Amino acid sequence: MSTKDTSEKQANRATTEQQVCEFLSAEKGFFDRHPELLESLELPHESGEAVSLIERQICVLRDRNLEMRSRLNNLLETARANDALFEKTKRLVLALLETDKLTQAIDALYHSLESDFQIEHYQLTLFNLDDTLSTPAKVVSLDQGTQAIGGLLRSNRATCGVLRDEELSFLFDDRAPAIQSVAVVPLNNGNTFGVLSIGSSEPLYYKSSMGTLFLSYIAEVLNRILPPMMTQITAVQPITAPQKIS
């Protein structure tokens, strides 16, 4: 038999098999009307022995069941993790609501990040406060912030991943060399007044594909709580008002 004849035979066989597939897909009750065919159908097993179609279907269903169980377990683990994260966030929000001074609010934030969330590195940076004030936060001018991390501030949203060395140095000072990945969220109540930064020594701990819902929510709470406290300080010691990042 020539190569051409072999090719034509294979093409005809493929066409016939396709027609059979289309027919069986359209005729859902075909095997109900011809149960004797199911009894005679056999499929090759991995070991080389033949198994019936029903046995093969059972194997397929078993594999699908295992896959569905695995997906369900992953969903349950994610739900439990989100529940725990929600409880931690709720405790932080309640603690912030109980404060009435800037230093108290920052202390509550730092305590939650370290003890509850167990975050390795964290820093709250506030712009245009009097740097002679005693506060747990880092205080710099907005111009300094814009020069160092202007891109992060303009995004006005949480950013996760790896930053440049100069950005890490600005956000974390002498701790920067130990930090391999970060999550950063600008603080803005109409005007940019600060940035919250958290970091990890693991390169892929914070990555661009991760969700930032809870971090953004914490930032929204800080956006509402901190500015009035900062205004109280500026009423005693006038400073340059926060400026909008353009």
C-alpha atoms as a PDB file:
ATOM      1  CA  MET A   1       0.000   0.000   0.000  1.00  0.00           C
ATOM      2  CA  SER A   2       1.356   3.395  -0.987  1.00  0.00           C
ATOM      3  CA  THR A   3       1.847   6.311   1.395  1.00  0.00           C
ATOM      4  CA  LYS A   4      -0.998   8.135  -0.356  1.00  0.00           C
ATOM      5  CA  ASP A   5      -3.383   5.230   0.202  1.00  0.00           C
ATOM      6  CA  THR A   6      -2.376   5.034   3.867  1.00  0.00           C
ATOM      7  CA  SER A   7      -2.978   8.767   4.365  1.00  0.00           C
ATOM      8  CA  GLU A   8      -6.385   8.570   2.689  1.00  0.00           C
ATOM      9  CA  LYS A   9      -7.347   5.603   4.856  1.00  0.00           C
ATOM     10  CA  GLN A  10      -6.330   7.438   8.031  1.00  0.00           C
ATOM     11  CA  ALA A  11      -8.276  10.534   6.937  1.00  0.00           C
ATOM     12  CA  ASN A  12     -11.379   8.447   6.213  1.00  0.00           C
ATOM     13  CA  ARG A  13     -11.064   6.730   9.600  1.00  0.00           C
ATOM     14  CA  ALA A  14     -10.767  10.105  11.380  1.00  0.00           C
ATOM     15  CA  THR A  15     -13.855  11.357   9.524  1.00  0.00           C
ATOM     16  CA  THR A  16     -15.809   8.235  10.484  1.00  0.00           C
ATOM     17  CA  GLU A  17     -14.775   8.520  14.157  1.00  0.00           C
ATOM     18  CA  GLN A  18     -15.820  12.176  14.174  1.00  0.00           C
ATOM     19  CA  GLN A  19     -19.192  11.216  12.745  1.00  0.00           C
ATOM     20  CA  VAL A  20     -19.607   8.579  15.457  1.00  0.00           C
ATOM     21  CA  CYS A  21     -18.738  11.117  18.147  1.00  0.00           C
ATOM     22  CA  GLU A  22     -21.218  13.622  16.763  1.00  0.00           C
ATOM     23  CA  PHE A  23     -23.915  10.953  16.548  1.00  0.00           C
ATOM     24  CA  LEU A  24     -23.434   9.737  20.123  1.00  0.00           C
ATOM     25  CA  SER A  25     -23.349  13.330  21.405  1.00  0.00           C
ATOM     26  CA  ALA A  26     -26.659  14.039  19.677  1.00  0.00           C
ATOM     27  CA  GLU A  27     -28.289  10.732  20.636  1.00  0.00           C
ATOM     28  CA  LYS A  28     -28.062  10.818  24.436  1.00  0.00           C
ATOM     29  CA  GLY A  29     -30.333   7.793  24.798  1.00  0.00           C
ATOM     30  CA  PHE A  30     -28.503   5.569  22.302  1.00  0.00           C
ATOM     31  CA  PHE A  31     -26.959   3.247  24.913  1.00  0.00           C
ATOM     32  CA  ASP A  32     -30.269   3.154  26.815  1.00  0.00           C
ATOM     33  CA  ARG A  33     -31.834   1.676  23.709  1.00  0.00           C
ATOM     34  CA  HIS A  34     -28.883  -0.642  23.120  1.00  0.00           C
ATOM     35  CA  PRO A  35     -27.583  -1.730  26.570  1.00  0.00           C
ATOM     36  CA  GLU A  36     -26.027  -4.831  25.055  1.00  0.00           C
ATOM     37  CA  LEU A  37     -23.354  -2.630  23.491  1.00  0.00           C
ATOM     38  CA  LEU A  38     -22.247  -1.353  26.905  1.00  0.00           C
ATOM     39  CA  GLU A  39     -21.686  -4.897  28.050  1.00  0.00           C
ATOM     40  CA  SER A  40     -19.379  -5.608  25.145  1.00  0.00           C
ATOM     41  CA  LEU A  41     -17.439  -2.358  25.114  1.00  0.00           C
ATOM     42  CA  GLU A  42     -13.920  -2.579  26.538  1.00  0.00           C
ATOM     43  CA  LEU A  43     -11.223   0.048  27.015  1.00  0.00           C
ATOM     44  CA  PRO A  44      -7.483  -0.619  27.356  1.00  0.00           C
ATOM     45  CA  HIS A  45      -6.150  -0.330  30.910  1.00  0.00           C
ATOM     46  CA  GLU A  46      -2.767   1.191  31.758  1.00  0.00           C
ATOM     47  CA  SER A  47      -1.566  -2.264  32.749  1.00  0.00           C
ATOM     48  CA  GLY A  48      -2.526  -3.573  29.320  1.00  0.00           C
ATOM     49  CA  GLU A  49      -5.614  -5.460  30.464  1.00  0.00           C
ATOM     50  CA  ALA A  50      -9.034  -4.496  29.198  1.00  0.00           C
ATOM     51  CA  VAL A  51     -11.667  -2.910  31.443  1.00  0.00           C
ATOM     52  CA  SER A  52     -15.346  -2.350  30.794  1.00  0.00           C
ATOM     53  CA  LEU A  53     -16.739   1.064  29.941  1.00  0.00           C
ATOM     54  CA  ILE A  54     -18.584   1.185  33.261  1.00  0.00           C
ATOM     55  CA  GLU A  55     -15.347   0.524  35.177  1.00  0.00           C
ATOM     56  CA  ARG A  56     -13.661   3.279  33.202  1.00  0.00           C
ATOM     57  CA  GLN A  57     -16.512   5.670  33.958  1.00  0.00           C
ATOM     58  CA  ILE A  58     -16.210   4.872  37.660  1.00  0.00           C
ATOM     59  CA  CYS A  59     -12.500   5.696  37.526  1.00  0.00           C
ATOM     60  CA  VAL A  60     -13.221   8.993  35.777  1.00  0.00           C
ATOM     61  CA  LEU A  61     -15.886   9.895  38.334  1.00  0.00           C
ATOM     62  CA  ARG A  62     -13.553   8.986  41.176  1.00  0.00           C
ATOM     63  CA  ASP A  63     -10.839  11.252  39.773  1.00  0.00           C
ATOM     64  CA  ARG A  64     -13.322  14.100  39.365  1.00  0.00           C
ATOM     65  CA  ASN A  65     -14.532  13.567  42.909  1.00  0.00           C
ATOM     66  CA  LEU A  66     -10.982  13.839  44.239  1.00  0.00           C
ATOM     67  CA  GLU A  67     -10.432  16.992  42.207  1.00  0.00           C
ATOM     68  CA  MET A  68     -13.652  18.553  43.522  1.00  0.00           C
ATOM     69  CA  ARG A  69     -12.682  17.663  47.089  1.00  0.00           C
ATOM     70  CA  SER A  70      -9.320  19.310  46.605  1.00  0.00           C
ATOM     71  CA  ARG A  71     -10.967  22.475  45.263  1.00  0.00           C
ATOM     72  CA  LEU A  72     -13.442  22.497  48.146  1.00  0.00           C
ATOM     73  CA  ASN A  73     -10.635  22.123  50.683  1.00  0.00           C
ATOM     74  CA  ASN A  74      -8.797  25.044  49.077  1.00  0.00           C
ATOM     75  CA  LEU A  75     -11.936  27.167  49.264  1.00  0.00           C
ATOM     76  CA  LEU A  76     -12.436  26.266  52.921  1.00  0.00           C
ATOM     77  CA  GLU A  77      -8.818  27.124  53.751  1.00  0.00           C
ATOM     78  CA  THR A  78      -9.171  30.464  51.978  1.00  0.00           C
ATOM     79  CA  ALA A  79     -12.415  31.171  53.832  1.00  0.00           C
ATOM     80  CA  ARG A  80     -10.808  30.369  57.199  1.00  0.00           C
ATOM     81  CA  ALA A  81      -7.833  32.600  56.384  1.00  0.00           C
ATOM     82  CA  ASN A  82     -10.154  35.453  55.383  1.00  0.00           C
ATOM     83  CA  ASP A  83     -12.179  35.018  58.581  1.00  0.00           C
ATOM     84  CA  ALA A  84      -9.021  35.273  60.681  1.00  0.00           C
ATOM     85  CA  LEU A  85      -7.875  38.305  58.696  1.00  0.00           C
ATOM     86  CA  PHE A  86     -11.259  39.949  59.161  1.00  0.00           C
ATOM     87  CA  GLU A  87     -11.106  39.444  62.946  1.00  0.00           C
ATOM     88  CA  LYS A  88      -7.637  40.987  63.129  1.00  0.00           C
ATOM     89  CA  THR A  89      -8.747  43.936  61.016  1.00  0.00           C
ATOM     90  CA  LYS A  90     -11.839  44.445  63.169  1.00  0.00           C
ATOM     91  CA  ARG A  91      -9.743  44.519  66.342  1.00  0.00           C
ATOM     92  CA  LEU A  92      -7.419  47.085  64.783  1.00  0.00           C
ATOM     93  CA  VAL A  93     -10.287  49.326  63.670  1.00  0.00           C
ATOM     94  CA  LEU A  94     -11.891  49.201  67.134  1.00  0.00           C
ATOM     95  CA  ALA A  95      -8.553  50.008  68.760  1.00  0.00           C
ATOM     96  CA  LEU A  96      -8.088  52.997  66.450  1.00  0.00           C
ATOM     97  CA  LEU A  97     -11.596  54.268  67.191  1.00  0.00           C
ATOM     98  CA  GLU A  98     -10.792  54.309  70.899  1.00  0.00           C
ATOM     99  CA  THR A  99      -7.885  56.736  70.420  1.00  0.00           C
ATOM    100  CA  ASP A 100      -8.108  60.504  70.350  1.00  0.00           C
ATOM    101  CA  LYS A 101      -4.463  61.470  69.881  1.00  0.00           C
ATOM    102  CA  LEU A 102      -2.070  60.887  67.007  1.00  0.00           C
ATOM    103  CA  THR A 103       0.547  59.051  69.080  1.00  0.00           C
ATOM    104  CA  GLN A 104      -2.131  56.769  70.531  1.00  0.00           C
ATOM    105  CA  ALA A 105      -3.451  55.906  67.086  1.00  0.00           C
ATOM    106  CA  ILE A 106       0.032  55.134  65.771  1.00  0.00           C
ATOM    107  CA  ASP A 107       0.817  53.000  68.826  1.00  0.00           C
ATOM    108  CA  ALA A 108      -2.424  51.046  68.286  1.00  0.00           C
ATOM    109  CA  LEU A 109      -1.574  50.560  64.610  1.00  0.00           C
ATOM    110  CA  TYR A 110       1.967  49.384  65.320  1.00  0.00           C
ATOM    111  CA  HIS A 111       0.848  47.050  68.112  1.00  0.00           C
ATOM    112  CA  SER A 112      -1.689  45.407  65.808  1.00  0.00           C
ATOM    113  CA  LEU A 113       0.748  45.044  62.903  1.00  0.00           C
ATOM    114  CA  GLU A 114       3.384  43.440  65.127  1.00  0.00           C
ATOM    115  CA  SER A 115       1.344  41.358  67.581  1.00  0.00           C
ATOM    116  CA  ASP A 116      -1.840  40.503  65.701  1.00  0.00           C
ATOM    117  CA  PHE A 117      -0.796  40.469  62.057  1.00  0.00           C
ATOM    118  CA  GLN A 118       2.772  39.383  62.952  1.00  0.00           C
ATOM    119  CA  ILE A 119       4.294  41.573  60.258  1.00  0.00           C
ATOM    120  CA  GLU A 120       8.099  41.609  60.153  1.00  0.00           C
ATOM    121  CA  HIS A 121       8.679  45.213  59.131  1.00  0.00           C
ATOM    122  CA  TYR A 122       6.309  48.156  59.132  1.00  0.00           C
ATOM    123  CA  GLN A 123       6.497  51.924  58.938  1.00  0.00           C
ATOM    124  CA  LEU A 124       3.987  54.752  58.907  1.00  0.00           C
ATOM    125  CA  THR A 125       5.325  57.839  57.172  1.00  0.00           C
ATOM    126  CA  LEU A 126       3.522  61.169  57.608  1.00  0.00           C
ATOM    127  CA  PHE A 127       4.124  64.280  55.537  1.00  0.00           C
ATOM    128  CA  ASN A 128       4.519  67.902  56.623  1.00  0.00           C
ATOM    129  CA  LEU A 129       4.317  67.468  60.363  1.00  0.00           C
ATOM    130  CA  ASP A 130       6.753  69.242  62.650  1.00  0.00           C
ATOM    131  CA  ASP A 131       9.707  66.819  62.777  1.00  0.00           C
ATOM    132  CA  THR A 132      10.507  67.959  66.312  1.00  0.00           C
ATOM    133  CA  LEU A 133       7.335  66.300  67.552  1.00  0.00           C
ATOM    134  CA  SER A 134       7.737  63.003  69.355  1.00  0.00           C
ATOM    135  CA  THR A 135       5.819  60.434  67.319  1.00  0.00           C
ATOM    136  CA  PRO A 136       6.371  56.748  66.470  1.00  0.00           C
ATOM    137  CA  ALA A 137       5.835  57.560  62.780  1.00  0.00           C
ATOM    138  CA  LYS A 138       8.489  58.767  60.392  1.00  0.00           C
ATOM    139  CA  VAL A 139       7.955  62.461  59.596  1.00  0.00           C
ATOM    140  CA  VAL A 140       9.219  64.059  56.372  1.00  0.00           C
ATOM    141  CA  SER A 141       8.110  66.762  53.984  1.00  0.00           C
ATOM    142  CA  LEU A 142       5.788  65.964  51.126  1.00  0.00           C
ATOM    143  CA  ASP A 143       8.477  67.144  48.704  1.00  0.00           C
ATOM    144  CA  GLN A 144      10.850  64.495  50.073  1.00  0.00           C
ATOM    145  CA  GLY A 145       8.174  61.854  49.713  1.00  0.00           C
ATOM    146  CA  THR A 146       7.353  62.885  46.168  1.00  0.00           C
ATOM    147  CA  GLN A 147      11.009  62.768  45.128  1.00  0.00           C
ATOM    148  CA  ALA A 148      11.595  59.340  46.679  1.00  0.00           C
ATOM    149  CA  ILE A 149       8.335  57.472  45.989  1.00  0.00           C
ATOM    150  CA  GLY A 150       6.333  59.760  43.730  1.00  0.00           C
ATOM    151  CA  GLY A 151       5.155  56.880  41.536  1.00  0.00           C
ATOM    152  CA  LEU A 152       3.762  54.974  44.502  1.00  0.00           C
ATOM    153  CA  LEU A 153       1.967  58.047  45.811  1.00  0.00           C
ATOM    154  CA  ARG A 154       0.417  58.948  42.465  1.00  0.00           C
ATOM    155  CA  SER A 155      -1.054  55.461  42.054  1.00  0.00           C
ATOM    156  CA  ASN A 156      -3.261  56.147  45.097  1.00  0.00           C
ATOM    157  CA  ARG A 157      -3.716  52.399  45.639  1.00  0.00           C
ATOM    158  CA  ALA A 158      -1.975  49.533  47.390  1.00  0.00           C
ATOM    159  CA  THR A 159       1.134  48.247  45.607  1.00  0.00           C
ATOM    160  CA  CYS A 160       2.795  44.886  46.281  1.00  0.00           C
ATOM    161  CA  GLY A 161       6.088  43.449  45.075  1.00  0.00           C
ATOM    162  CA  VAL A 162       9.732  44.448  44.899  1.00  0.00           C
ATOM    163  CA  LEU A 163      10.845  48.078  45.111  1.00  0.00           C
ATOM    164  CA  ARG A 164      14.017  49.896  44.152  1.00  0.00           C
ATOM    165  CA  ASP A 165      16.739  50.257  46.776  1.00  0.00           C
ATOM    166  CA  GLU A 166      16.204  54.003  47.127  1.00  0.00           C
ATOM    167  CA  GLU A 167      12.469  53.468  47.677  1.00  0.00           C
ATOM    168  CA  LEU A 168      13.133  50.842  50.351  1.00  0.00           C
ATOM    169  CA  SER A 169      15.628  53.135  52.058  1.00  0.00           C
ATOM    170  CA  PHE A 170      13.097  55.936  52.186  1.00  0.00           C
ATOM    171  CA  LEU A 171      10.298  53.747  53.523  1.00  0.00           C
ATOM    172  CA  PHE A 172      12.229  51.601  56.008  1.00  0.00           C
ATOM    173  CA  ASP A 173      15.503  53.460  56.710  1.00  0.00           C
ATOM    174  CA  ASP A 174      18.209  51.168  58.145  1.00  0.00           C
ATOM    175  CA  ARG A 175      15.964  48.090  57.926  1.00  0.00           C
ATOM    176  CA  ALA A 176      15.827  48.296  54.124  1.00  0.00           C
ATOM    177  CA  PRO A 177      18.624  45.742  53.388  1.00  0.00           C
ATOM    178  CA  ALA A 178      16.650  42.999  55.166  1.00  0.00           C
ATOM    179  CA  ILE A 179      13.456  43.576  53.186  1.00  0.00           C
ATOM    180  CA  GLN A 180      12.858  41.630  49.970  1.00  0.00           C
ATOM    181  CA  SER A 181       9.185  42.323  49.223  1.00  0.00           C
ATOM    182  CA  VAL A 182       6.716  44.976  50.340  1.00  0.00           C
ATOM    183  CA  ALA A 183       3.125  46.178  50.351  1.00  0.00           C
ATOM    184  CA  VAL A 184       2.665  49.954  50.278  1.00  0.00           C
ATOM    185  CA  VAL A 185      -0.524  52.000  50.392  1.00  0.00           C
ATOM    186  CA  PRO A 186      -0.733  55.812  50.166  1.00  0.00           C
ATOM    187  CA  LEU A 187      -2.867  57.664  52.704  1.00  0.00           C
ATOM    188  CA  ASN A 188      -5.108  60.268  51.154  1.00  0.00           C
ATOM    189  CA  ASN A 189      -8.187  62.163  52.373  1.00  0.00           C
ATOM    190  CA  GLY A 190      -8.339  64.417  49.335  1.00  0.00           C
ATOM    191  CA  ASN A 191      -4.722  65.387  49.937  1.00  0.00           C
ATOM    192  CA  THR A 192      -1.844  62.979  50.313  1.00  0.00           C
ATOM    193  CA  PHE A 193      -0.696  63.030  53.930  1.00  0.00           C
ATOM    194  CA  GLY A 194       1.260  59.802  54.376  1.00  0.00           C
ATOM    195  CA  VAL A 195       2.005  56.221  53.399  1.00  0.00           C
ATOM    196  CA  LEU A 196       1.775  52.893  55.228  1.00  0.00           C
ATOM    197  CA  SER A 197       4.480  50.357  54.369  1.00  0.00           C
ATOM    198  CA  ILE A 198       4.873  46.715  55.411  1.00  0.00           C
ATOM    199  CA  GLY A 199       7.728  44.452  54.403  1.00  0.00           C
ATOM    200  CA  SER A 200       8.985  40.871  54.501  1.00  0.00           C
ATOM    201  CA  SER A 201      12.373  39.196  54.306  1.00  0.00           C
ATOM    202  CA  GLU A 202      10.869  36.691  51.828  1.00  0.00           C
ATOM    203  CA  PRO A 203      11.154  37.782  48.163  1.00  0.00           C
ATOM    204  CA  LEU A 204       7.726  36.455  47.127  1.00  0.00           C
ATOM    205  CA  TYR A 205       5.769  37.069  50.332  1.00  0.00           C
ATOM    206  CA  TYR A 206       4.210  40.227  48.889  1.00  0.00           C
ATOM    207  CA  LYS A 207       3.690  39.976  45.137  1.00  0.00           C
ATOM    208  CA  SER A 208       1.755  41.916  42.523  1.00  0.00           C
ATOM    209  CA  SER A 209      -0.828  39.148  42.058  1.00  0.00           C
ATOM    210  CA  MET A 210      -1.957  39.080  45.682  1.00  0.00           C
ATOM    211  CA  GLY A 211      -5.151  40.697  46.913  1.00  0.00           C
ATOM    212  CA  THR A 212      -4.952  43.976  48.813  1.00  0.00           C
ATOM    213  CA  LEU A 213      -8.538  44.267  50.030  1.00  0.00           C
ATOM    214  CA  PHE A 214      -7.779  44.285  53.762  1.00  0.00           C
ATOM    215  CA  LEU A 215      -4.738  46.551  53.447  1.00  0.00           C
ATOM    216  CA  SER A 216      -6.784  49.027  51.411  1.00  0.00           C
ATOM    217  CA  TYR A 217      -9.543  48.855  54.007  1.00  0.00           C
ATOM    218  CA  ILE A 218      -7.109  49.658  56.824  1.00  0.00           C
ATOM    219  CA  ALA A 219      -5.841  52.593  54.750  1.00  0.00           C
ATOM    220  CA  GLU A 220      -9.401  53.881  54.325  1.00  0.00           C
ATOM    221  CA  VAL A 221      -9.857  53.812  58.109  1.00  0.00           C
ATOM    222  CA  LEU A 222      -6.573  55.671  58.632  1.00  0.00           C
ATOM    223  CA  ASN A 223      -7.625  58.192  55.986  1.00  0.00           C
ATOM    224  CA  ARG A 224     -10.526  59.179  58.204  1.00  0.00           C
ATOM    225  CA  ILE A 225      -8.982  58.885  61.653  1.00  0.00           C
ATOM    226  CA  LEU A 226      -5.513  60.427  61.317  1.00  0.00           C
ATOM    227  CA  PRO A 227      -6.115  63.803  59.557  1.00  0.00           C
ATOM    228  CA  PRO A 228      -8.244  65.304  62.398  1.00  0.00           C
ATOM    229  CA  MET A 229      -5.546  64.259  64.887  1.00  0.00           C
ATOM    230  CA  MET A 230      -2.883  65.829  62.697  1.00  0.00           C
ATOM    231  CA  THR A 231      -4.979  69.002  62.507  1.00  0.00           C
ATOM    232  CA  GLN A 232      -5.033  69.182  66.299  1.00  0.00           C
ATOM    233  CA  ILE A 233      -1.251  69.297  66.282  1.00  0.00           C
ATOM    234  CA  THR A 234      -1.059  71.895  63.526  1.00  0.00           C
ATOM    235  CA  ALA A 235      -3.431  74.134  65.487  1.00  0.00           C
ATOM    236  CA  VAL A 236      -0.705  74.424  68.134  1.00  0.00           C
ATOM    237  CA  GLN A 237       2.316  74.410  65.828  1.00  0.00           C
ATOM    238  CA  PRO A 238       1.527  75.760  62.322  1.00  0.00           C
ATOM    239  CA  ILE A 239       3.004  73.752  59.467  1.00  0.00           C
ATOM    240  CA  THR A 240       2.631  73.570  55.734  1.00  0.00           C
ATOM    241  CA  ALA A 241      -0.653  71.900  54.820  1.00  0.00           C
ATOM    242  CA  PRO A 242      -0.493  68.577  52.964  1.00  0.00           C
ATOM    243  CA  GLN A 243      -0.478  69.006  49.218  1.00  0.00           C
ATOM    244  CA  LYS A 244      -2.269  67.041  46.574  1.00  0.00           C
ATOM    245  CA  ILE A 245      -0.089  64.745  44.459  1.00  0.00           C
ATOM    246  CA  SER A 246      -0.527  65.551  40.788  1.00  0.00           C
END
